[in-house]
């Protein structure tokens, strides 16, 4: 059995579709499971005992970030080890460590715990999602950030799900981290140009010093530290692209132009 946590999220929904309903979704409310249209169980990552795992199962472990993220994910990993699952596939972030900024550090802590668990593991390490880009455009057609001119190989979350599906349905391979990117890495000026074409209205990227971006984020009710994270991302660490999606799926990942249509 393939057990999918985070089944109602962006990657989780795409994964359920990739698996054609042949998975058990873990949802927090029954109506969410009914909406997914696949077998489901009501469970909660903060209660690891509620995640139904049996010897030989394969677990997709993913969720949005929240204050209890690390403890909950570590608890589910421990449950998976006790149950004797065949594999855990989890979603992290490219290049994280436990000392990384904001939620990236949480991912780093979970990754470290999984690697030490004794459970066969695959860590998906993508960069930013294409799905989030249009939401960053404000009412005046601006995207604010502190990325500078650094390119980022944004990826369609559906390609992440497709890689997860392949790993969960093929024979379990060696433990590995899979760095996932789109086919090219545009600058944010280039992202704005693609959004202009797709949305049919002008979009421009406004690059701010970290201090100004932090104040802008705070006014929008977002963490000020996100500005420093943007600056780190824009320093070139996400500029290179990988062939991982093509190597696993036998096709290229979707480009930003293809994603936006």
C-alpha atoms as a PDB file:
ATOM      1  CA  UNK A   1       0.000   0.000   0.000  1.00  0.00           C
ATOM      2  CA  UNK A   2       1.162   3.535  -0.798  1.00  0.00           C
ATOM      3  CA  UNK A   3       0.165   5.874   2.035  1.00  0.00           C
ATOM      4  CA  UNK A   4       0.041   9.558   1.097  1.00  0.00           C
ATOM      5  CA  UNK A   5       0.139  12.295   3.724  1.00  0.00           C
ATOM      6  CA  UNK A   6      -0.422  15.904   2.705  1.00  0.00           C
ATOM      7  CA  UNK A   7      -2.888  14.508   0.185  1.00  0.00           C
ATOM      8  CA  UNK A   8      -4.892  17.727  -0.109  1.00  0.00           C
ATOM      9  CA  UNK A   9      -1.848  19.911  -0.823  1.00  0.00           C
ATOM     10  CA  UNK A  10      -0.522  21.003  -4.193  1.00  0.00           C
ATOM     11  CA  UNK A  11       1.881  18.074  -4.559  1.00  0.00           C
ATOM     12  CA  UNK A  12      -0.390  15.599  -2.757  1.00  0.00           C
ATOM     13  CA  UNK A  13      -3.365  16.130  -5.066  1.00  0.00           C
ATOM     14  CA  UNK A  14      -1.154  15.771  -8.124  1.00  0.00           C
ATOM     15  CA  UNK A  15       0.368  12.603  -6.665  1.00  0.00           C
ATOM     16  CA  UNK A  16      -3.043  11.037  -6.020  1.00  0.00           C
ATOM     17  CA  UNK A  17      -3.903  11.755  -9.654  1.00  0.00           C
ATOM     18  CA  UNK A  18      -0.598  10.279 -10.848  1.00  0.00           C
ATOM     19  CA  UNK A  19      -1.273   7.108  -8.864  1.00  0.00           C
ATOM     20  CA  UNK A  20      -4.738   6.786 -10.370  1.00  0.00           C
ATOM     21  CA  UNK A  21      -6.444   6.365  -7.016  1.00  0.00           C
ATOM     22  CA  UNK A  22      -4.262   3.391  -6.044  1.00  0.00           C
ATOM     23  CA  UNK A  23      -3.131   4.990  -2.809  1.00  0.00           C
ATOM     24  CA  UNK A  24      -4.447   5.543   0.686  1.00  0.00           C
ATOM     25  CA  UNK A  25      -4.766   9.259   1.427  1.00  0.00           C
ATOM     26  CA  UNK A  26      -4.399  10.553   4.977  1.00  0.00           C
ATOM     27  CA  UNK A  27      -6.717  13.523   5.503  1.00  0.00           C
ATOM     28  CA  UNK A  28      -7.718  15.541   8.539  1.00  0.00           C
ATOM     29  CA  UNK A  29     -11.433  15.533   7.746  1.00  0.00           C
ATOM     30  CA  UNK A  30     -13.608  12.933   6.038  1.00  0.00           C
ATOM     31  CA  UNK A  31     -15.033  15.443   3.558  1.00  0.00           C
ATOM     32  CA  UNK A  32     -11.511  16.034   2.249  1.00  0.00           C
ATOM     33  CA  UNK A  33     -11.160  12.338   1.508  1.00  0.00           C
ATOM     34  CA  UNK A  34     -14.511  12.234  -0.253  1.00  0.00           C
ATOM     35  CA  UNK A  35     -13.404  15.142  -2.425  1.00  0.00           C
ATOM     36  CA  UNK A  36     -10.198  13.345  -3.438  1.00  0.00           C
ATOM     37  CA  UNK A  37     -12.152  10.361  -4.728  1.00  0.00           C
ATOM     38  CA  UNK A  38      -9.696   7.712  -3.534  1.00  0.00           C
ATOM     39  CA  UNK A  39      -9.435   5.449  -0.478  1.00  0.00           C
ATOM     40  CA  UNK A  40      -8.700   7.552   2.582  1.00  0.00           C
ATOM     41  CA  UNK A  41      -8.349   7.507   6.339  1.00  0.00           C
ATOM     42  CA  UNK A  42      -8.735  10.368   8.788  1.00  0.00           C
ATOM     43  CA  UNK A  43      -5.439  10.947  10.538  1.00  0.00           C
ATOM     44  CA  UNK A  44      -3.127  13.645  11.858  1.00  0.00           C
ATOM     45  CA  UNK A  45       0.654  13.878  11.644  1.00  0.00           C
ATOM     46  CA  UNK A  46       0.669  15.142  15.225  1.00  0.00           C
ATOM     47  CA  UNK A  47      -0.740  11.743  16.199  1.00  0.00           C
ATOM     48  CA  UNK A  48       1.622   9.301  14.467  1.00  0.00           C
ATOM     49  CA  UNK A  49      -0.431   6.352  15.662  1.00  0.00           C
ATOM     50  CA  UNK A  50      -3.265   7.591  13.438  1.00  0.00           C
ATOM     51  CA  UNK A  51      -1.174   7.049  10.282  1.00  0.00           C
ATOM     52  CA  UNK A  52      -1.989   3.486   9.132  1.00  0.00           C
ATOM     53  CA  UNK A  53       1.309   1.792   8.285  1.00  0.00           C
ATOM     54  CA  UNK A  54       2.057  -1.895   7.818  1.00  0.00           C
ATOM     55  CA  UNK A  55       5.211  -3.857   6.994  1.00  0.00           C
ATOM     56  CA  UNK A  56       6.153  -3.303   3.360  1.00  0.00           C
ATOM     57  CA  UNK A  57       4.056  -0.148   2.901  1.00  0.00           C
ATOM     58  CA  UNK A  58       5.511   2.864   1.138  1.00  0.00           C
ATOM     59  CA  UNK A  59       4.956   6.282   2.696  1.00  0.00           C
ATOM     60  CA  UNK A  60       4.842   9.698   1.055  1.00  0.00           C
ATOM     61  CA  UNK A  61       5.548  12.158   3.858  1.00  0.00           C
ATOM     62  CA  UNK A  62       4.766  15.797   3.180  1.00  0.00           C
ATOM     63  CA  UNK A  63       2.853  18.708   4.651  1.00  0.00           C
ATOM     64  CA  UNK A  64       2.811  22.462   4.911  1.00  0.00           C
ATOM     65  CA  UNK A  65       5.048  24.015   7.550  1.00  0.00           C
ATOM     66  CA  UNK A  66       3.724  24.813  11.016  1.00  0.00           C
ATOM     67  CA  UNK A  67       5.402  25.189  14.452  1.00  0.00           C
ATOM     68  CA  UNK A  68       5.069  21.463  15.235  1.00  0.00           C
ATOM     69  CA  UNK A  69       6.361  20.348  11.819  1.00  0.00           C
ATOM     70  CA  UNK A  70       9.675  18.862  12.959  1.00  0.00           C
ATOM     71  CA  UNK A  71       8.349  16.943  15.953  1.00  0.00           C
ATOM     72  CA  UNK A  72       5.373  15.585  14.010  1.00  0.00           C
ATOM     73  CA  UNK A  73       7.397  14.461  10.994  1.00  0.00           C
ATOM     74  CA  UNK A  74      10.031  12.864  13.193  1.00  0.00           C
ATOM     75  CA  UNK A  75       7.289  10.998  15.059  1.00  0.00           C
ATOM     76  CA  UNK A  76       5.813   9.641  11.829  1.00  0.00           C
ATOM     77  CA  UNK A  77       9.272   8.571  10.651  1.00  0.00           C
ATOM     78  CA  UNK A  78       9.759   6.685  13.928  1.00  0.00           C
ATOM     79  CA  UNK A  79       6.374   5.027  13.437  1.00  0.00           C
ATOM     80  CA  UNK A  80       7.362   4.054   9.892  1.00  0.00           C
ATOM     81  CA  UNK A  81      10.567   2.482  11.207  1.00  0.00           C
ATOM     82  CA  UNK A  82       8.679   0.541  13.887  1.00  0.00           C
ATOM     83  CA  UNK A  83       6.134  -0.663  11.318  1.00  0.00           C
ATOM     84  CA  UNK A  84       8.812  -1.896   8.921  1.00  0.00           C
ATOM     85  CA  UNK A  85       7.778   0.158   5.912  1.00  0.00           C
ATOM     86  CA  UNK A  86       9.646  -0.450   2.676  1.00  0.00           C
ATOM     87  CA  UNK A  87      10.326   3.188   1.845  1.00  0.00           C
ATOM     88  CA  UNK A  88       9.695   6.788   2.875  1.00  0.00           C
ATOM     89  CA  UNK A  89       9.616   9.443   0.164  1.00  0.00           C
ATOM     90  CA  UNK A  90       9.580  12.966   1.565  1.00  0.00           C
ATOM     91  CA  UNK A  91       9.680  16.499   0.176  1.00  0.00           C
ATOM     92  CA  UNK A  92      12.404  18.852   1.362  1.00  0.00           C
ATOM     93  CA  UNK A  93      14.136  21.840  -0.264  1.00  0.00           C
ATOM     94  CA  UNK A  94      17.261  21.969  -2.382  1.00  0.00           C
ATOM     95  CA  UNK A  95      20.427  22.580  -0.393  1.00  0.00           C
ATOM     96  CA  UNK A  96      18.897  22.847   3.083  1.00  0.00           C
ATOM     97  CA  UNK A  97      20.556  22.146   6.395  1.00  0.00           C
ATOM     98  CA  UNK A  98      19.190  22.261   9.917  1.00  0.00           C
ATOM     99  CA  UNK A  99      20.725  25.760  10.187  1.00  0.00           C
ATOM    100  CA  UNK A 100      18.934  27.133   7.102  1.00  0.00           C
ATOM    101  CA  UNK A 101      16.678  30.160   7.430  1.00  0.00           C
ATOM    102  CA  UNK A 102      12.994  29.937   8.368  1.00  0.00           C
ATOM    103  CA  UNK A 103      11.162  26.730   7.449  1.00  0.00           C
ATOM    104  CA  UNK A 104      14.076  25.478   5.390  1.00  0.00           C
ATOM    105  CA  UNK A 105      15.826  24.656   8.658  1.00  0.00           C
ATOM    106  CA  UNK A 106      12.824  22.568   9.715  1.00  0.00           C
ATOM    107  CA  UNK A 107      13.208  20.523   6.543  1.00  0.00           C
ATOM    108  CA  UNK A 108      16.887  20.067   7.315  1.00  0.00           C
ATOM    109  CA  UNK A 109      16.113  18.649  10.762  1.00  0.00           C
ATOM    110  CA  UNK A 110      13.557  16.203   9.361  1.00  0.00           C
ATOM    111  CA  UNK A 111      15.934  15.109   6.593  1.00  0.00           C
ATOM    112  CA  UNK A 112      18.636  14.367   9.144  1.00  0.00           C
ATOM    113  CA  UNK A 113      16.226  12.312  11.260  1.00  0.00           C
ATOM    114  CA  UNK A 114      15.028  10.326   8.262  1.00  0.00           C
ATOM    115  CA  UNK A 115      18.572   9.493   7.161  1.00  0.00           C
ATOM    116  CA  UNK A 116      19.343   8.146  10.641  1.00  0.00           C
ATOM    117  CA  UNK A 117      16.095   6.174  10.975  1.00  0.00           C
ATOM    118  CA  UNK A 118      17.153   2.981   9.252  1.00  0.00           C
ATOM    119  CA  UNK A 119      14.170   3.225   6.879  1.00  0.00           C
ATOM    120  CA  UNK A 120      14.935   3.205   3.123  1.00  0.00           C
ATOM    121  CA  UNK A 121      14.510   6.823   2.049  1.00  0.00           C
ATOM    122  CA  UNK A 122      14.207   9.120  -0.931  1.00  0.00           C
ATOM    123  CA  UNK A 123      14.322  12.879  -0.358  1.00  0.00           C
ATOM    124  CA  UNK A 124      12.879  15.121  -3.057  1.00  0.00           C
ATOM    125  CA  UNK A 125      14.695  18.459  -2.947  1.00  0.00           C
ATOM    126  CA  UNK A 126      13.000  20.935  -5.286  1.00  0.00           C
ATOM    127  CA  UNK A 127      13.447  24.669  -5.636  1.00  0.00           C
ATOM    128  CA  UNK A 128      10.526  27.146  -5.746  1.00  0.00           C
ATOM    129  CA  UNK A 129       7.165  26.126  -7.224  1.00  0.00           C
ATOM    130  CA  UNK A 130       5.808  27.725 -10.386  1.00  0.00           C
ATOM    131  CA  UNK A 131       2.364  27.559  -8.759  1.00  0.00           C
ATOM    132  CA  UNK A 132       3.347  30.355  -6.356  1.00  0.00           C
ATOM    133  CA  UNK A 133       4.564  32.909  -8.881  1.00  0.00           C
ATOM    134  CA  UNK A 134       1.291  34.453 -10.095  1.00  0.00           C
ATOM    135  CA  UNK A 135       0.142  34.879  -6.483  1.00  0.00           C
ATOM    136  CA  UNK A 136       3.117  37.172  -5.852  1.00  0.00           C
ATOM    137  CA  UNK A 137       1.823  39.762  -8.341  1.00  0.00           C
ATOM    138  CA  UNK A 138       0.117  42.663  -6.565  1.00  0.00           C
ATOM    139  CA  UNK A 139      -2.821  44.736  -7.805  1.00  0.00           C
ATOM    140  CA  UNK A 140      -0.442  47.114  -9.589  1.00  0.00           C
ATOM    141  CA  UNK A 141       1.321  44.323 -11.475  1.00  0.00           C
ATOM    142  CA  UNK A 142       4.447  44.256  -9.322  1.00  0.00           C
ATOM    143  CA  UNK A 143       6.483  41.422  -7.818  1.00  0.00           C
ATOM    144  CA  UNK A 144       8.638  42.555  -4.914  1.00  0.00           C
ATOM    145  CA  UNK A 145      11.692  40.657  -3.758  1.00  0.00           C
ATOM    146  CA  UNK A 146      15.376  40.679  -2.860  1.00  0.00           C
ATOM    147  CA  UNK A 147      16.526  38.074  -5.365  1.00  0.00           C
ATOM    148  CA  UNK A 148      18.700  40.490  -7.338  1.00  0.00           C
ATOM    149  CA  UNK A 149      19.467  39.181 -10.808  1.00  0.00           C
ATOM    150  CA  UNK A 150      20.015  35.631  -9.621  1.00  0.00           C
ATOM    151  CA  UNK A 151      18.172  33.018 -11.710  1.00  0.00           C
ATOM    152  CA  UNK A 152      16.008  30.334 -10.086  1.00  0.00           C
ATOM    153  CA  UNK A 153      15.061  27.024 -11.727  1.00  0.00           C
ATOM    154  CA  UNK A 154      11.394  27.078 -10.698  1.00  0.00           C
ATOM    155  CA  UNK A 155       9.584  23.747 -11.078  1.00  0.00           C
ATOM    156  CA  UNK A 156       5.972  22.764 -11.649  1.00  0.00           C
ATOM    157  CA  UNK A 157       4.761  20.924  -8.522  1.00  0.00           C
ATOM    158  CA  UNK A 158       3.114  18.371 -10.807  1.00  0.00           C
ATOM    159  CA  UNK A 159       6.573  17.295 -11.936  1.00  0.00           C
ATOM    160  CA  UNK A 160       7.559  16.782  -8.314  1.00  0.00           C
ATOM    161  CA  UNK A 161       4.483  14.591  -7.882  1.00  0.00           C
ATOM    162  CA  UNK A 162       5.327  12.614 -11.012  1.00  0.00           C
ATOM    163  CA  UNK A 163       8.819  11.892  -9.681  1.00  0.00           C
ATOM    164  CA  UNK A 164       7.338  10.832  -6.339  1.00  0.00           C
ATOM    165  CA  UNK A 165       4.904   8.497  -8.101  1.00  0.00           C
ATOM    166  CA  UNK A 166       7.729   6.895 -10.071  1.00  0.00           C
ATOM    167  CA  UNK A 167       9.824   6.305  -6.952  1.00  0.00           C
ATOM    168  CA  UNK A 168       6.853   4.916  -5.012  1.00  0.00           C
ATOM    169  CA  UNK A 169       5.824   2.437  -7.708  1.00  0.00           C
ATOM    170  CA  UNK A 170       9.221   1.180  -8.887  1.00  0.00           C
ATOM    171  CA  UNK A 171      11.396  -1.269  -6.947  1.00  0.00           C
ATOM    172  CA  UNK A 172      12.934   0.513  -3.972  1.00  0.00           C
ATOM    173  CA  UNK A 173      16.338   1.839  -4.942  1.00  0.00           C
ATOM    174  CA  UNK A 174      19.297   3.075  -2.963  1.00  0.00           C
ATOM    175  CA  UNK A 175      18.808   5.913  -0.487  1.00  0.00           C
ATOM    176  CA  UNK A 176      19.177   9.179  -2.367  1.00  0.00           C
ATOM    177  CA  UNK A 177      18.393  12.887  -2.463  1.00  0.00           C
ATOM    178  CA  UNK A 178      16.887  14.037  -5.759  1.00  0.00           C
ATOM    179  CA  UNK A 179      17.451  17.704  -6.621  1.00  0.00           C
ATOM    180  CA  UNK A 180      14.516  18.809  -8.773  1.00  0.00           C
ATOM    181  CA  UNK A 181      14.372  21.893 -11.003  1.00  0.00           C
ATOM    182  CA  UNK A 182      12.655  23.112 -14.101  1.00  0.00           C
ATOM    183  CA  UNK A 183      14.448  22.936 -17.470  1.00  0.00           C
ATOM    184  CA  UNK A 184      15.864  26.471 -17.262  1.00  0.00           C
ATOM    185  CA  UNK A 185      16.481  29.032 -14.525  1.00  0.00           C
ATOM    186  CA  UNK A 186      14.956  32.445 -15.331  1.00  0.00           C
ATOM    187  CA  UNK A 187      15.735  35.657 -13.518  1.00  0.00           C
ATOM    188  CA  UNK A 188      12.795  37.365 -11.853  1.00  0.00           C
ATOM    189  CA  UNK A 189      12.762  39.941 -14.622  1.00  0.00           C
ATOM    190  CA  UNK A 190      12.273  37.042 -17.037  1.00  0.00           C
ATOM    191  CA  UNK A 191       9.580  35.569 -14.768  1.00  0.00           C
ATOM    192  CA  UNK A 192       7.784  38.938 -14.899  1.00  0.00           C
ATOM    193  CA  UNK A 193       8.000  38.937 -18.703  1.00  0.00           C
ATOM    194  CA  UNK A 194       6.412  35.477 -18.882  1.00  0.00           C
ATOM    195  CA  UNK A 195       3.672  36.549 -16.472  1.00  0.00           C
ATOM    196  CA  UNK A 196       3.044  39.646 -18.607  1.00  0.00           C
ATOM    197  CA  UNK A 197       2.512  37.417 -21.633  1.00  0.00           C
ATOM    198  CA  UNK A 198       0.326  34.899 -19.814  1.00  0.00           C
ATOM    199  CA  UNK A 199      -1.802  37.360 -17.816  1.00  0.00           C
ATOM    200  CA  UNK A 200      -2.226  39.870 -20.635  1.00  0.00           C
ATOM    201  CA  UNK A 201      -1.235  42.824 -18.453  1.00  0.00           C
ATOM    202  CA  UNK A 202       2.111  44.363 -17.514  1.00  0.00           C
ATOM    203  CA  UNK A 203       4.013  42.679 -14.700  1.00  0.00           C
ATOM    204  CA  UNK A 204       7.378  43.906 -13.473  1.00  0.00           C
ATOM    205  CA  UNK A 205       9.819  42.712 -10.872  1.00  0.00           C
ATOM    206  CA  UNK A 206      10.879  45.274  -8.238  1.00  0.00           C
ATOM    207  CA  UNK A 207      14.127  44.364  -6.527  1.00  0.00           C
ATOM    208  CA  UNK A 208      14.548  45.813  -3.033  1.00  0.00           C
ATOM    209  CA  UNK A 209      17.406  45.856  -0.533  1.00  0.00           C
ATOM    210  CA  UNK A 210      16.830  43.275   2.163  1.00  0.00           C
ATOM    211  CA  UNK A 211      15.842  45.873   4.774  1.00  0.00           C
ATOM    212  CA  UNK A 212      13.217  47.449   2.509  1.00  0.00           C
ATOM    213  CA  UNK A 213      11.896  44.063   1.424  1.00  0.00           C
ATOM    214  CA  UNK A 214      11.622  43.004   5.072  1.00  0.00           C
ATOM    215  CA  UNK A 215       9.500  46.072   5.870  1.00  0.00           C
ATOM    216  CA  UNK A 216       7.341  45.430   2.797  1.00  0.00           C
ATOM    217  CA  UNK A 217       6.765  41.816   3.860  1.00  0.00           C
ATOM    218  CA  UNK A 218       5.864  42.843   7.401  1.00  0.00           C
ATOM    219  CA  UNK A 219       3.246  45.247   6.046  1.00  0.00           C
ATOM    220  CA  UNK A 220       1.722  42.306   4.183  1.00  0.00           C
ATOM    221  CA  UNK A 221       1.695  40.178   7.341  1.00  0.00           C
ATOM    222  CA  UNK A 222       4.558  37.948   6.209  1.00  0.00           C
ATOM    223  CA  UNK A 223       7.811  37.057   8.042  1.00  0.00           C
ATOM    224  CA  UNK A 224      10.420  39.793   7.606  1.00  0.00           C
ATOM    225  CA  UNK A 225      13.165  37.145   7.556  1.00  0.00           C
ATOM    226  CA  UNK A 226      11.803  35.990   4.217  1.00  0.00           C
ATOM    227  CA  UNK A 227      13.692  38.893   2.626  1.00  0.00           C
ATOM    228  CA  UNK A 228      17.039  37.484   3.774  1.00  0.00           C
ATOM    229  CA  UNK A 229      15.986  34.098   2.435  1.00  0.00           C
ATOM    230  CA  UNK A 230      15.204  35.674  -0.943  1.00  0.00           C
ATOM    231  CA  UNK A 231      18.670  37.208  -0.997  1.00  0.00           C
ATOM    232  CA  UNK A 232      20.211  33.826  -0.278  1.00  0.00           C
ATOM    233  CA  UNK A 233      18.175  32.179  -3.030  1.00  0.00           C
ATOM    234  CA  UNK A 234      19.246  34.925  -5.431  1.00  0.00           C
ATOM    235  CA  UNK A 235      22.953  34.445  -4.686  1.00  0.00           C
ATOM    236  CA  UNK A 236      23.170  31.690  -7.275  1.00  0.00           C
ATOM    237  CA  UNK A 237      22.574  28.564  -5.179  1.00  0.00           C
ATOM    238  CA  UNK A 238      19.366  27.814  -7.130  1.00  0.00           C
ATOM    239  CA  UNK A 239      20.707  29.017 -10.485  1.00  0.00           C
ATOM    240  CA  UNK A 240      21.830  25.659 -11.852  1.00  0.00           C
ATOM    241  CA  UNK A 241      19.345  23.168 -13.264  1.00  0.00           C
ATOM    242  CA  UNK A 242      19.406  19.392 -12.991  1.00  0.00           C
ATOM    243  CA  UNK A 243      18.405  16.562 -15.323  1.00  0.00           C
ATOM    244  CA  UNK A 244      16.802  14.595 -12.496  1.00  0.00           C
ATOM    245  CA  UNK A 245      13.192  14.913 -13.693  1.00  0.00           C
ATOM    246  CA  UNK A 246      14.136  13.811 -17.206  1.00  0.00           C
ATOM    247  CA  UNK A 247      16.343  11.007 -15.885  1.00  0.00           C
ATOM    248  CA  UNK A 248      13.497   9.550 -13.824  1.00  0.00           C
ATOM    249  CA  UNK A 249      10.488  10.288 -16.037  1.00  0.00           C
ATOM    250  CA  UNK A 250      12.021  10.084 -19.500  1.00  0.00           C
ATOM    251  CA  UNK A 251      10.694  13.531 -20.370  1.00  0.00           C
ATOM    252  CA  UNK A 252      11.694  17.098 -19.715  1.00  0.00           C
ATOM    253  CA  UNK A 253      10.078  19.019 -16.825  1.00  0.00           C
ATOM    254  CA  UNK A 254       7.552  21.668 -17.825  1.00  0.00           C
ATOM    255  CA  UNK A 255       8.959  25.074 -18.639  1.00  0.00           C
ATOM    256  CA  UNK A 256       7.493  28.233 -17.122  1.00  0.00           C
ATOM    257  CA  UNK A 257       5.998  29.108 -20.524  1.00  0.00           C
ATOM    258  CA  UNK A 258       4.313  25.702 -20.745  1.00  0.00           C
ATOM    259  CA  UNK A 259       3.072  25.995 -17.176  1.00  0.00           C
ATOM    260  CA  UNK A 260       1.540  29.425 -17.684  1.00  0.00           C
ATOM    261  CA  UNK A 261       0.044  28.433 -21.048  1.00  0.00           C
END
